[in-house]
Amino acid sequence: MGRLFTAAVVAASLAAAAPTTAPAHSPVRAVAAKSCSSGYKHAVINGSHKCLRRGQFCARSADRQYRRYGFRCYKRDYRGNYHLS
């Protein structure tokens, strides 16, 4: 009975004294979730990854976000749709 108690105490003290090996900060790599072909520009609009190009349909409410990437959403066609320019 005494040996079992002693072994349990030793095992508990070794487990408590073991150093932690987890780093404080793990490196985070930025990876584009979507790759765009030539002529398109990668953007994140309303939380979604998009490939943008002049003339595409756009959401007027997200015009500020399009401007971050060098586009404007203001041109209306004869149907009333907005497009990037």
PDB file of N, CA and C in Angstrom:
ATOM      1  N   MET A   1       0.821  -1.185   0.000  1.00  0.00           N
ATOM      2  CA  MET A   1       0.000   0.000   0.000  1.00  0.00           C
ATOM      3  C   MET A   1       0.867   1.251   0.000  1.00  0.00           C
ATOM      4  N   GLY A   2       1.946   1.249   0.742  1.00  0.00           N
ATOM      5  CA  GLY A   2       2.848   2.394   0.828  1.00  0.00           C
ATOM      6  C   GLY A   2       3.553   2.648  -0.485  1.00  0.00           C
ATOM      7  N   ARG A   3       3.931   1.571  -1.188  1.00  0.00           N
ATOM      8  CA  ARG A   3       4.609   1.735  -2.478  1.00  0.00           C
ATOM      9  C   ARG A   3       3.667   2.337  -3.520  1.00  0.00           C
ATOM     10  N   LEU A   4       2.440   1.897  -3.509  1.00  0.00           N
ATOM     11  CA  LEU A   4       1.465   2.416  -4.456  1.00  0.00           C
ATOM     12  C   LEU A   4       1.234   3.909  -4.225  1.00  0.00           C
ATOM     13  N   PHE A   5       1.124   4.318  -2.980  1.00  0.00           N
ATOM     14  CA  PHE A   5       0.948   5.724  -2.637  1.00  0.00           C
ATOM     15  C   PHE A   5       2.162   6.533  -3.060  1.00  0.00           C
ATOM     16  N   THR A   6       3.352   6.011  -2.816  1.00  0.00           N
ATOM     17  CA  THR A   6       4.588   6.702  -3.180  1.00  0.00           C
ATOM     18  C   THR A   6       4.687   6.847  -4.699  1.00  0.00           C
ATOM     19  N   ALA A   7       4.336   5.810  -5.438  1.00  0.00           N
ATOM     20  CA  ALA A   7       4.393   5.864  -6.899  1.00  0.00           C
ATOM     21  C   ALA A   7       3.406   6.897  -7.435  1.00  0.00           C
ATOM     22  N   ALA A   8       2.240   6.989  -6.838  1.00  0.00           N
ATOM     23  CA  ALA A   8       1.238   7.959  -7.270  1.00  0.00           C
ATOM     24  C   ALA A   8       1.703   9.382  -7.002  1.00  0.00           C
ATOM     25  N   VAL A   9       2.342   9.618  -5.863  1.00  0.00           N
ATOM     26  CA  VAL A   9       2.849  10.948  -5.522  1.00  0.00           C
ATOM     27  C   VAL A   9       3.972  11.340  -6.473  1.00  0.00           C
ATOM     28  N   VAL A  10       4.865  10.412  -6.779  1.00  0.00           N
ATOM     29  CA  VAL A  10       5.975  10.701  -7.698  1.00  0.00           C
ATOM     30  C   VAL A  10       5.435  11.005  -9.089  1.00  0.00           C
ATOM     31  N   ALA A  11       4.473  10.213  -9.565  1.00  0.00           N
ATOM     32  CA  ALA A  11       3.904  10.437 -10.895  1.00  0.00           C
ATOM     33  C   ALA A  11       3.195  11.794 -10.969  1.00  0.00           C
ATOM     34  N   ALA A  12       2.485  12.159  -9.937  1.00  0.00           N
ATOM     35  CA  ALA A  12       1.795  13.444  -9.914  1.00  0.00           C
ATOM     36  C   ALA A  12       2.777  14.604  -9.888  1.00  0.00           C
ATOM     37  N   SER A  13       3.862  14.472  -9.149  1.00  0.00           N
ATOM     38  CA  SER A  13       4.840  15.561  -9.080  1.00  0.00           C
ATOM     39  C   SER A  13       5.586  15.706 -10.403  1.00  0.00           C
ATOM     40  N   LEU A  14       5.850  14.603 -11.093  1.00  0.00           N
ATOM     41  CA  LEU A  14       6.510  14.689 -12.404  1.00  0.00           C
ATOM     42  C   LEU A  14       5.592  15.325 -13.438  1.00  0.00           C
ATOM     43  N   ALA A  15       4.331  15.015 -13.393  1.00  0.00           N
ATOM     44  CA  ALA A  15       3.381  15.591 -14.344  1.00  0.00           C
ATOM     45  C   ALA A  15       3.212  17.092 -14.104  1.00  0.00           C
ATOM     46  N   ALA A  16       3.237  17.515 -12.859  1.00  0.00           N
ATOM     47  CA  ALA A  16       3.070  18.932 -12.539  1.00  0.00           C
ATOM     48  C   ALA A  16       4.324  19.727 -12.873  1.00  0.00           C
ATOM     49  N   ALA A  17       5.495  19.098 -12.801  1.00  0.00           N
ATOM     50  CA  ALA A  17       6.745  19.806 -13.038  1.00  0.00           C
ATOM     51  C   ALA A  17       7.155  19.812 -14.506  1.00  0.00           C
ATOM     52  N   ALA A  18       6.444  19.099 -15.370  1.00  0.00           N
ATOM     53  CA  ALA A  18       6.800  19.038 -16.788  1.00  0.00           C
ATOM     54  C   ALA A  18       6.583  20.404 -17.434  1.00  0.00           C
ATOM     55  N   PRO A  19       7.581  20.906 -18.161  1.00  0.00           N
ATOM     56  CA  PRO A  19       7.425  22.220 -18.805  1.00  0.00           C
ATOM     57  C   PRO A  19       6.471  22.121 -19.994  1.00  0.00           C
ATOM     58  N   THR A  20       5.792  23.212 -20.245  1.00  0.00           N
ATOM     59  CA  THR A  20       4.906  23.249 -21.402  1.00  0.00           C
ATOM     60  C   THR A  20       5.732  23.580 -22.633  1.00  0.00           C
ATOM     61  N   THR A  21       5.443  22.940 -23.733  1.00  0.00           N
ATOM     62  CA  THR A  21       6.223  23.139 -24.950  1.00  0.00           C
ATOM     63  C   THR A  21       5.468  23.952 -25.996  1.00  0.00           C
ATOM     64  N   ALA A  22       4.291  24.427 -25.692  1.00  0.00           N
ATOM     65  CA  ALA A  22       3.517  25.207 -26.653  1.00  0.00           C
ATOM     66  C   ALA A  22       4.088  26.624 -26.742  1.00  0.00           C
ATOM     67  N   PRO A  23       4.350  27.105 -27.966  1.00  0.00           N
ATOM     68  CA  PRO A  23       4.869  28.473 -28.112  1.00  0.00           C
ATOM     69  C   PRO A  23       3.798  29.499 -27.773  1.00  0.00           C
ATOM     70  N   ALA A  24       4.272  30.666 -27.356  1.00  0.00           N
ATOM     71  CA  ALA A  24       3.348  31.729 -26.978  1.00  0.00           C
ATOM     72  C   ALA A  24       2.542  32.206 -28.193  1.00  0.00           C
ATOM     73  N   HIS A  25       3.199  32.381 -29.344  1.00  0.00           N
ATOM     74  CA  HIS A  25       2.525  32.819 -30.563  1.00  0.00           C
ATOM     75  C   HIS A  25       2.916  31.882 -31.683  1.00  0.00           C
ATOM     76  N   SER A  26       1.943  31.319 -32.344  1.00  0.00           N
ATOM     77  CA  SER A  26       2.239  30.497 -33.508  1.00  0.00           C
ATOM     78  C   SER A  26       2.150  31.381 -34.745  1.00  0.00           C
ATOM     79  N   PRO A  27       3.051  31.217 -35.699  1.00  0.00           N
ATOM     80  CA  PRO A  27       3.025  32.075 -36.884  1.00  0.00           C
ATOM     81  C   PRO A  27       1.775  31.806 -37.724  1.00  0.00           C
ATOM     82  N   VAL A  28       1.191  32.880 -38.211  1.00  0.00           N
ATOM     83  CA  VAL A  28      -0.003  32.784 -39.034  1.00  0.00           C
ATOM     84  C   VAL A  28       0.383  33.173 -40.452  1.00  0.00           C
ATOM     85  N   ARG A  29       0.051  32.320 -41.387  1.00  0.00           N
ATOM     86  CA  ARG A  29       0.368  32.611 -42.779  1.00  0.00           C
ATOM     87  C   ARG A  29      -0.864  33.145 -43.484  1.00  0.00           C
ATOM     88  N   ALA A  30      -0.680  34.222 -44.218  1.00  0.00           N
ATOM     89  CA  ALA A  30      -1.781  34.793 -44.988  1.00  0.00           C
ATOM     90  C   ALA A  30      -1.810  34.114 -46.346  1.00  0.00           C
ATOM     91  N   VAL A  31      -2.913  33.463 -46.647  1.00  0.00           N
ATOM     92  CA  VAL A  31      -3.064  32.770 -47.912  1.00  0.00           C
ATOM     93  C   VAL A  31      -4.350  33.238 -48.560  1.00  0.00           C
ATOM     94  N   ALA A  32      -4.258  33.635 -49.801  1.00  0.00           N
ATOM     95  CA  ALA A  32      -5.463  34.055 -50.513  1.00  0.00           C
ATOM     96  C   ALA A  32      -6.354  32.841 -50.735  1.00  0.00           C
ATOM     97  N   ALA A  33      -7.620  32.977 -50.389  1.00  0.00           N
ATOM     98  CA  ALA A  33      -8.548  31.859 -50.518  1.00  0.00           C
ATOM     99  C   ALA A  33      -8.967  31.648 -51.967  1.00  0.00           C
ATOM    100  N   LYS A  34      -8.803  32.646 -52.785  1.00  0.00           N
ATOM    101  CA  LYS A  34      -9.231  32.551 -54.169  1.00  0.00           C
ATOM    102  C   LYS A  34      -8.168  33.194 -55.043  1.00  0.00           C
ATOM    103  N   SER A  35      -7.714  32.498 -56.055  1.00  0.00           N
ATOM    104  CA  SER A  35      -6.740  33.098 -56.957  1.00  0.00           C
ATOM    105  C   SER A  35      -7.468  33.585 -58.197  1.00  0.00           C
ATOM    106  N   CYS A  36      -7.137  34.784 -58.608  1.00  0.00           N
ATOM    107  CA  CYS A  36      -7.811  35.397 -59.748  1.00  0.00           C
ATOM    108  C   CYS A  36      -6.911  35.328 -60.969  1.00  0.00           C
ATOM    109  N   SER A  37      -7.526  35.136 -62.124  1.00  0.00           N
ATOM    110  CA  SER A  37      -6.759  35.083 -63.352  1.00  0.00           C
ATOM    111  C   SER A  37      -6.331  36.492 -63.767  1.00  0.00           C
ATOM    112  N   SER A  38      -5.531  36.543 -64.776  1.00  0.00           N
ATOM    113  CA  SER A  38      -4.987  37.802 -65.256  1.00  0.00           C
ATOM    114  C   SER A  38      -6.118  38.754 -65.654  1.00  0.00           C
ATOM    115  N   GLY A  39      -5.978  40.010 -65.302  1.00  0.00           N
ATOM    116  CA  GLY A  39      -6.985  41.013 -65.621  1.00  0.00           C
ATOM    117  C   GLY A  39      -7.999  41.246 -64.519  1.00  0.00           C
ATOM    118  N   TYR A  40      -8.002  40.396 -63.516  1.00  0.00           N
ATOM    119  CA  TYR A  40      -8.905  40.525 -62.383  1.00  0.00           C
ATOM    120  C   TYR A  40      -8.119  40.943 -61.144  1.00  0.00           C
ATOM    121  N   LYS A  41      -8.793  41.522 -60.193  1.00  0.00           N
ATOM    122  CA  LYS A  41      -8.174  41.926 -58.946  1.00  0.00           C
ATOM    123  C   LYS A  41      -8.898  41.244 -57.791  1.00  0.00           C
ATOM    124  N   HIS A  42      -8.127  40.598 -56.907  1.00  0.00           N
ATOM    125  CA  HIS A  42      -8.718  39.912 -55.759  1.00  0.00           C
ATOM    126  C   HIS A  42      -9.179  40.937 -54.737  1.00  0.00           C
ATOM    127  N   ALA A  43     -10.372  40.710 -54.177  1.00  0.00           N
ATOM    128  CA  ALA A  43     -10.934  41.626 -53.183  1.00  0.00           C
ATOM    129  C   ALA A  43     -11.827  40.842 -52.234  1.00  0.00           C
ATOM    130  N   VAL A  44     -12.039  41.422 -51.065  1.00  0.00           N
ATOM    131  CA  VAL A  44     -12.989  40.869 -50.103  1.00  0.00           C
ATOM    132  C   VAL A  44     -14.115  41.885 -49.972  1.00  0.00           C
ATOM    133  N   ILE A  45     -15.289  41.512 -50.465  1.00  0.00           N
ATOM    134  CA  ILE A  45     -16.459  42.385 -50.463  1.00  0.00           C
ATOM    135  C   ILE A  45     -17.549  41.714 -49.631  1.00  0.00           C
ATOM    136  N   ASN A  46     -18.006  42.404 -48.598  1.00  0.00           N
ATOM    137  CA  ASN A  46     -19.030  41.870 -47.685  1.00  0.00           C
ATOM    138  C   ASN A  46     -18.634  40.506 -47.125  1.00  0.00           C
ATOM    139  N   GLY A  47     -17.349  40.317 -46.858  1.00  0.00           N
ATOM    140  CA  GLY A  47     -16.862  39.082 -46.254  1.00  0.00           C
ATOM    141  C   GLY A  47     -16.643  37.946 -47.233  1.00  0.00           C
ATOM    142  N   SER A  48     -16.876  38.150 -48.514  1.00  0.00           N
ATOM    143  CA  SER A  48     -16.684  37.111 -49.533  1.00  0.00           C
ATOM    144  C   SER A  48     -15.523  37.485 -50.437  1.00  0.00           C
ATOM    145  N   HIS A  49     -14.759  36.491 -50.851  1.00  0.00           N
ATOM    146  CA  HIS A  49     -13.649  36.721 -51.764  1.00  0.00           C
ATOM    147  C   HIS A  49     -14.197  36.829 -53.177  1.00  0.00           C
ATOM    148  N   LYS A  50     -13.797  37.888 -53.869  1.00  0.00           N
ATOM    149  CA  LYS A  50     -14.279  38.156 -55.223  1.00  0.00           C
ATOM    150  C   LYS A  50     -13.104  38.457 -56.132  1.00  0.00           C
ATOM    151  N   CYS A  51     -13.281  38.187 -57.412  1.00  0.00           N
ATOM    152  CA  CYS A  51     -12.345  38.608 -58.449  1.00  0.00           C
ATOM    153  C   CYS A  51     -13.048  39.718 -59.223  1.00  0.00           C
ATOM    154  N   LEU A  52     -12.505  40.920 -59.145  1.00  0.00           N
ATOM    155  CA  LEU A  52     -13.175  42.090 -59.711  1.00  0.00           C
ATOM    156  C   LEU A  52     -12.537  42.524 -61.019  1.00  0.00           C
ATOM    157  N   ARG A  53     -13.393  43.035 -61.915  1.00  0.00           N
ATOM    158  CA  ARG A  53     -12.927  43.611 -63.171  1.00  0.00           C
ATOM    159  C   ARG A  53     -13.957  44.635 -63.624  1.00  0.00           C
ATOM    160  N   ARG A  54     -13.511  45.609 -64.349  1.00  0.00           N
ATOM    161  CA  ARG A  54     -14.382  46.675 -64.840  1.00  0.00           C
ATOM    162  C   ARG A  54     -15.517  46.082 -65.670  1.00  0.00           C
ATOM    163  N   GLY A  55     -16.738  46.586 -65.440  1.00  0.00           N
ATOM    164  CA  GLY A  55     -17.895  46.158 -66.200  1.00  0.00           C
ATOM    165  C   GLY A  55     -18.745  45.101 -65.512  1.00  0.00           C
ATOM    166  N   GLN A  56     -18.243  44.495 -64.441  1.00  0.00           N
ATOM    167  CA  GLN A  56     -19.021  43.482 -63.737  1.00  0.00           C
ATOM    168  C   GLN A  56     -20.145  44.116 -62.936  1.00  0.00           C
ATOM    169  N   PHE A  57     -21.183  43.310 -62.669  1.00  0.00           N
ATOM    170  CA  PHE A  57     -22.261  43.774 -61.809  1.00  0.00           C
ATOM    171  C   PHE A  57     -21.714  44.033 -60.414  1.00  0.00           C
ATOM    172  N   CYS A  58     -22.307  44.977 -59.709  1.00  0.00           N
ATOM    173  CA  CYS A  58     -21.870  45.279 -58.358  1.00  0.00           C
ATOM    174  C   CYS A  58     -23.055  45.650 -57.489  1.00  0.00           C
ATOM    175  N   ALA A  59     -22.828  45.613 -56.201  1.00  0.00           N
ATOM    176  CA  ALA A  59     -23.847  45.997 -55.235  1.00  0.00           C
ATOM    177  C   ALA A  59     -23.600  47.446 -54.837  1.00  0.00           C
ATOM    178  N   ARG A  60     -24.551  48.290 -55.087  1.00  0.00           N
ATOM    179  CA  ARG A  60     -24.398  49.723 -54.799  1.00  0.00           C
ATOM    180  C   ARG A  60     -24.095  49.966 -53.326  1.00  0.00           C
ATOM    181  N   SER A  61     -24.653  49.141 -52.463  1.00  0.00           N
ATOM    182  CA  SER A  61     -24.449  49.321 -51.020  1.00  0.00           C
ATOM    183  C   SER A  61     -22.998  49.041 -50.600  1.00  0.00           C
ATOM    184  N   ALA A  62     -22.233  48.362 -51.434  1.00  0.00           N
ATOM    185  CA  ALA A  62     -20.844  48.033 -51.093  1.00  0.00           C
ATOM    186  C   ALA A  62     -19.855  48.940 -51.828  1.00  0.00           C
ATOM    187  N   ASP A  63     -20.303  50.097 -52.298  1.00  0.00           N
ATOM    188  CA  ASP A  63     -19.440  50.986 -53.076  1.00  0.00           C
ATOM    189  C   ASP A  63     -18.172  51.379 -52.322  1.00  0.00           C
ATOM    190  N   ARG A  64     -18.272  51.630 -51.015  1.00  0.00           N
ATOM    191  CA  ARG A  64     -17.087  51.984 -50.229  1.00  0.00           C
ATOM    192  C   ARG A  64     -16.042  50.879 -50.253  1.00  0.00           C
ATOM    193  N   GLN A  65     -16.484  49.642 -50.203  1.00  0.00           N
ATOM    194  CA  GLN A  65     -15.550  48.516 -50.219  1.00  0.00           C
ATOM    195  C   GLN A  65     -14.895  48.382 -51.589  1.00  0.00           C
ATOM    196  N   TYR A  66     -15.648  48.619 -52.662  1.00  0.00           N
ATOM    197  CA  TYR A  66     -15.068  48.564 -54.003  1.00  0.00           C
ATOM    198  C   TYR A  66     -14.008  49.643 -54.179  1.00  0.00           C
ATOM    199  N   ARG A  67     -14.221  50.792 -53.580  1.00  0.00           N
ATOM    200  CA  ARG A  67     -13.259  51.895 -53.717  1.00  0.00           C
ATOM    201  C   ARG A  67     -11.902  51.564 -53.098  1.00  0.00           C
ATOM    202  N   ARG A  68     -11.881  50.691 -52.104  1.00  0.00           N
ATOM    203  CA  ARG A  68     -10.603  50.267 -51.520  1.00  0.00           C
ATOM    204  C   ARG A  68      -9.715  49.591 -52.559  1.00  0.00           C
ATOM    205  N   TYR A  69     -10.341  48.984 -53.546  1.00  0.00           N
ATOM    206  CA  TYR A  69      -9.604  48.241 -54.566  1.00  0.00           C
ATOM    207  C   TYR A  69      -9.510  48.984 -55.891  1.00  0.00           C
ATOM    208  N   GLY A  70      -9.901  50.250 -55.887  1.00  0.00           N
ATOM    209  CA  GLY A  70      -9.741  51.084 -57.068  1.00  0.00           C
ATOM    210  C   GLY A  70     -10.912  51.061 -58.034  1.00  0.00           C
ATOM    211  N   PHE A  71     -12.069  50.593 -57.619  1.00  0.00           N
ATOM    212  CA  PHE A  71     -13.247  50.539 -58.468  1.00  0.00           C
ATOM    213  C   PHE A  71     -14.336  51.444 -57.908  1.00  0.00           C
ATOM    214  N   ARG A  72     -15.301  51.765 -58.742  1.00  0.00           N
ATOM    215  CA  ARG A  72     -16.482  52.504 -58.302  1.00  0.00           C
ATOM    216  C   ARG A  72     -17.707  51.772 -58.818  1.00  0.00           C
ATOM    217  N   CYS A  73     -18.749  51.798 -58.035  1.00  0.00           N
ATOM    218  CA  CYS A  73     -19.996  51.134 -58.401  1.00  0.00           C
ATOM    219  C   CYS A  73     -21.065  52.202 -58.567  1.00  0.00           C
ATOM    220  N   TYR A  74     -21.142  52.793 -59.764  1.00  0.00           N
ATOM    221  CA  TYR A  74     -22.120  53.855 -59.940  1.00  0.00           C
ATOM    222  C   TYR A  74     -22.759  53.858 -61.317  1.00  0.00           C
ATOM    223  N   LYS A  75     -22.205  53.163 -62.256  1.00  0.00           N
ATOM    224  CA  LYS A  75     -22.712  53.231 -63.613  1.00  0.00           C
ATOM    225  C   LYS A  75     -23.958  52.358 -63.763  1.00  0.00           C
ATOM    226  N   ARG A  76     -25.033  52.935 -64.216  1.00  0.00           N
ATOM    227  CA  ARG A  76     -26.264  52.171 -64.421  1.00  0.00           C
ATOM    228  C   ARG A  76     -26.460  51.927 -65.912  1.00  0.00           C
ATOM    229  N   ASP A  77     -26.895  50.716 -66.243  1.00  0.00           N
ATOM    230  CA  ASP A  77     -27.224  50.459 -67.640  1.00  0.00           C
ATOM    231  C   ASP A  77     -28.701  50.783 -67.886  1.00  0.00           C
ATOM    232  N   TYR A  78     -29.173  50.490 -69.064  1.00  0.00           N
ATOM    233  CA  TYR A  78     -30.559  50.836 -69.405  1.00  0.00           C
ATOM    234  C   TYR A  78     -31.589  50.066 -68.590  1.00  0.00           C
ATOM    235  N   ARG A  79     -31.181  48.979 -67.954  1.00  0.00           N
ATOM    236  CA  ARG A  79     -32.095  48.216 -67.096  1.00  0.00           C
ATOM    237  C   ARG A  79     -32.083  48.707 -65.644  1.00  0.00           C
ATOM    238  N   GLY A  80     -31.132  49.546 -65.316  1.00  0.00           N
ATOM    239  CA  GLY A  80     -31.039  50.051 -63.944  1.00  0.00           C
ATOM    240  C   GLY A  80     -30.021  49.316 -63.099  1.00  0.00           C
ATOM    241  N   ASN A  81     -29.218  48.411 -63.706  1.00  0.00           N
ATOM    242  CA  ASN A  81     -28.194  47.668 -62.962  1.00  0.00           C
ATOM    243  C   ASN A  81     -26.928  48.495 -62.802  1.00  0.00           C
ATOM    244  N   TYR A  82     -26.241  48.264 -61.702  1.00  0.00           N
ATOM    245  CA  TYR A  82     -24.978  48.951 -61.446  1.00  0.00           C
ATOM    246  C   TYR A  82     -23.816  48.068 -61.899  1.00  0.00           C
ATOM    247  N   HIS A  83     -22.748  48.731 -62.365  1.00  0.00           N
ATOM    248  CA  HIS A  83     -21.557  48.030 -62.837  1.00  0.00           C
ATOM    249  C   HIS A  83     -20.314  48.714 -62.295  1.00  0.00           C
ATOM    250  N   LEU A  84     -19.231  47.954 -62.229  1.00  0.00           N
ATOM    251  CA  LEU A  84     -17.956  48.501 -61.785  1.00  0.00           C
ATOM    252  C   LEU A  84     -17.325  49.322 -62.897  1.00  0.00           C
ATOM    253  N   SER A  85     -16.702  50.392 -62.529  1.00  0.00           N
ATOM    254  CA  SER A  85     -15.949  51.190 -63.497  1.00  0.00           C
ATOM    255  C   SER A  85     -14.661  51.660 -62.888  1.00  0.00           C
TER     256      SER A  85
END
